[in-house]
Every structure is written in structure tokens, then in C-alpha cells.
N, C-alpha and C. Protein backbone atom coordinates (compact mmCIF):
# COMPACT_ATOMS: atom_id res chain seq x y z
N MET A 1 115.36 39.44 77.10
CA MET A 1 113.90 39.08 77.33
C MET A 1 113.62 41.17 78.51
N GLY A 2 112.75 41.15 78.25
CA GLY A 2 112.17 42.88 78.49
C GLY A 2 111.05 41.95 79.77
N ILE A 3 111.08 42.61 80.61
CA ILE A 3 109.28 42.59 81.15
C ILE A 3 108.83 43.94 81.66
N ASP A 4 108.06 44.59 81.50
CA ASP A 4 107.02 45.49 81.76
C ASP A 4 105.67 44.87 82.52
N CYS A 5 106.50 46.24 83.45
CA CYS A 5 104.84 45.78 84.68
C CYS A 5 103.80 46.84 85.03
N GLY A 6 103.38 46.65 84.97
CA GLY A 6 102.05 47.74 85.23
C GLY A 6 101.09 47.85 86.12
N SER A 7 100.44 48.92 86.71
CA SER A 7 99.49 48.33 87.73
C SER A 7 98.26 47.44 87.01
N VAL A 8 98.46 47.17 85.52
CA VAL A 8 97.19 46.81 84.95
C VAL A 8 97.76 46.02 84.34
N SER A 9 98.58 45.85 83.46
CA SER A 9 99.20 44.90 82.49
C SER A 9 100.85 44.71 83.21
N VAL A 10 101.08 43.42 82.64
CA VAL A 10 102.22 42.92 82.38
C VAL A 10 102.64 42.28 80.85
N LYS A 11 104.01 43.24 80.31
CA LYS A 11 104.13 42.44 79.13
C LYS A 11 105.33 41.97 79.29
N PHE A 12 105.99 40.59 78.50
CA PHE A 12 107.03 40.54 77.95
C PHE A 12 107.31 40.43 76.72
N ALA A 13 108.68 40.53 76.76
CA ALA A 13 109.67 40.16 75.58
C ALA A 13 111.12 39.45 75.17
N LEU A 14 110.66 38.49 74.42
CA LEU A 14 112.05 37.87 74.00
C LEU A 14 112.55 38.10 72.67
N MET A 15 114.33 38.83 72.80
CA MET A 15 114.32 39.06 71.08
C MET A 15 115.57 38.44 71.36
N ARG A 16 116.35 37.97 69.93
CA ARG A 16 117.55 37.13 69.48
C ARG A 16 118.03 38.29 68.67
N ASP A 17 119.11 39.07 68.79
CA ASP A 17 120.26 39.61 67.49
C ASP A 17 119.58 40.73 66.87
N HIS A 18 117.90 41.46 68.07
CA HIS A 18 117.32 42.61 67.97
C HIS A 18 115.98 42.17 66.70
N ASP A 19 115.66 40.92 66.92
CA ASP A 19 114.37 40.28 66.27
C ASP A 19 114.18 39.69 67.06
N LEU A 20 112.49 40.56 67.24
CA LEU A 20 111.52 40.12 68.21
C LEU A 20 111.45 38.51 68.30
N ILE A 21 111.52 37.67 68.90
CA ILE A 21 111.25 36.37 68.61
C ILE A 21 109.73 35.98 69.59
N GLY A 22 109.07 36.82 70.42
CA GLY A 22 108.18 36.31 71.38
C GLY A 22 107.79 37.57 71.98
N LYS A 23 105.99 37.53 72.42
CA LYS A 23 106.05 38.32 73.66
C LYS A 23 104.48 37.74 73.59
N VAL A 24 104.34 38.12 74.81
CA VAL A 24 103.00 37.84 75.26
C VAL A 24 102.50 38.89 76.27
N TYR A 25 101.30 38.81 76.94
CA TYR A 25 100.89 40.32 77.54
C TYR A 25 99.49 39.51 78.50
N PHE A 26 99.30 39.75 79.74
CA PHE A 26 98.63 39.75 80.57
C PHE A 26 98.41 40.47 81.47
N LYS A 27 96.59 40.86 82.07
CA LYS A 27 95.98 41.85 83.14
C LYS A 27 96.76 40.79 84.49
N ASN A 28 97.38 42.27 85.32
CA ASN A 28 98.15 42.26 86.44
C ASN A 28 96.66 41.14 87.01
N ARG A 29 97.67 40.51 87.95
CA ARG A 29 95.84 39.89 88.94
C ARG A 29 97.04 39.24 89.62
N GLY A 30 98.14 39.92 90.23
CA GLY A 30 99.10 39.56 90.93
C GLY A 30 100.66 39.04 90.76
N LEU A 31 101.77 40.61 90.81
CA LEU A 31 102.79 40.71 90.44
C LEU A 31 103.60 39.21 90.14
N ILE A 32 103.77 38.45 90.75
CA ILE A 32 104.64 37.38 91.32
C ILE A 32 103.97 36.24 90.61
N GLU A 33 102.46 35.74 90.64
CA GLU A 33 101.90 35.27 89.92
C GLU A 33 101.70 35.47 88.36
N THR A 34 101.30 36.42 87.71
CA THR A 34 101.42 37.04 86.55
C THR A 34 102.73 36.89 85.77
N ILE A 35 103.81 37.23 86.62
CA ILE A 35 105.22 37.11 85.47
C ILE A 35 105.47 35.68 85.87
N GLN A 36 104.93 34.71 87.06
CA GLN A 36 104.97 33.20 86.34
C GLN A 36 104.45 32.65 85.83
N GLN A 37 103.13 33.16 85.03
CA GLN A 37 102.98 32.78 83.98
C GLN A 37 103.36 32.98 82.74
N GLY A 38 104.11 34.23 82.94
CA GLY A 38 103.86 35.21 81.58
C GLY A 38 105.88 34.24 81.21
N LEU A 39 106.60 33.71 82.18
CA LEU A 39 107.96 33.17 82.17
C LEU A 39 107.38 31.37 81.60
N ARG A 40 106.12 31.05 81.85
CA ARG A 40 106.43 30.22 81.42
C ARG A 40 105.61 29.46 80.53
N GLN A 41 104.66 30.67 79.46
CA GLN A 41 104.05 31.15 78.30
C GLN A 41 104.56 31.68 77.54
N LEU A 42 106.39 32.43 77.45
CA LEU A 42 106.83 32.90 76.74
C LEU A 42 107.26 32.28 76.24
N PRO A 43 108.28 30.80 76.26
CA PRO A 43 108.67 30.21 75.38
C PRO A 43 107.99 29.23 74.38
N LYS A 44 106.46 29.37 74.72
CA LYS A 44 105.98 29.13 73.74
C LYS A 44 105.12 30.44 72.49
N ALA A 45 105.00 31.38 72.69
CA ALA A 45 104.72 32.60 71.78
C ALA A 45 105.60 33.28 70.68
N LYS A 46 104.96 33.59 69.80
CA LYS A 46 105.74 34.04 68.95
C LYS A 46 104.92 34.93 68.32
């Protein structure tokens, strides 16, 4: 899993054996809240 936190956006990527299996992107509305939202949504992402 990778998380890229910037001042404007937070991006999440989930990989398995060099294959991207999920990704999500959110506008940064507060780092902790945005990371919590991303961790909830990432398992549902394709």
C-alpha cells in the first residue's frame, strides 16, 4: 500500500505482486480525516 499526502490531495494505491489492484484519490480536507476516509474506501476500489 502506498499513500501520497500533499497539501491539495491524498492518493492511495494498493498493489499485489506488482499489480495495481486498487486506487483512490481525495482532496485533502485535513490529513487524518482524509487518510481515514481513504483507508475505508481503498478495499472497495478497483
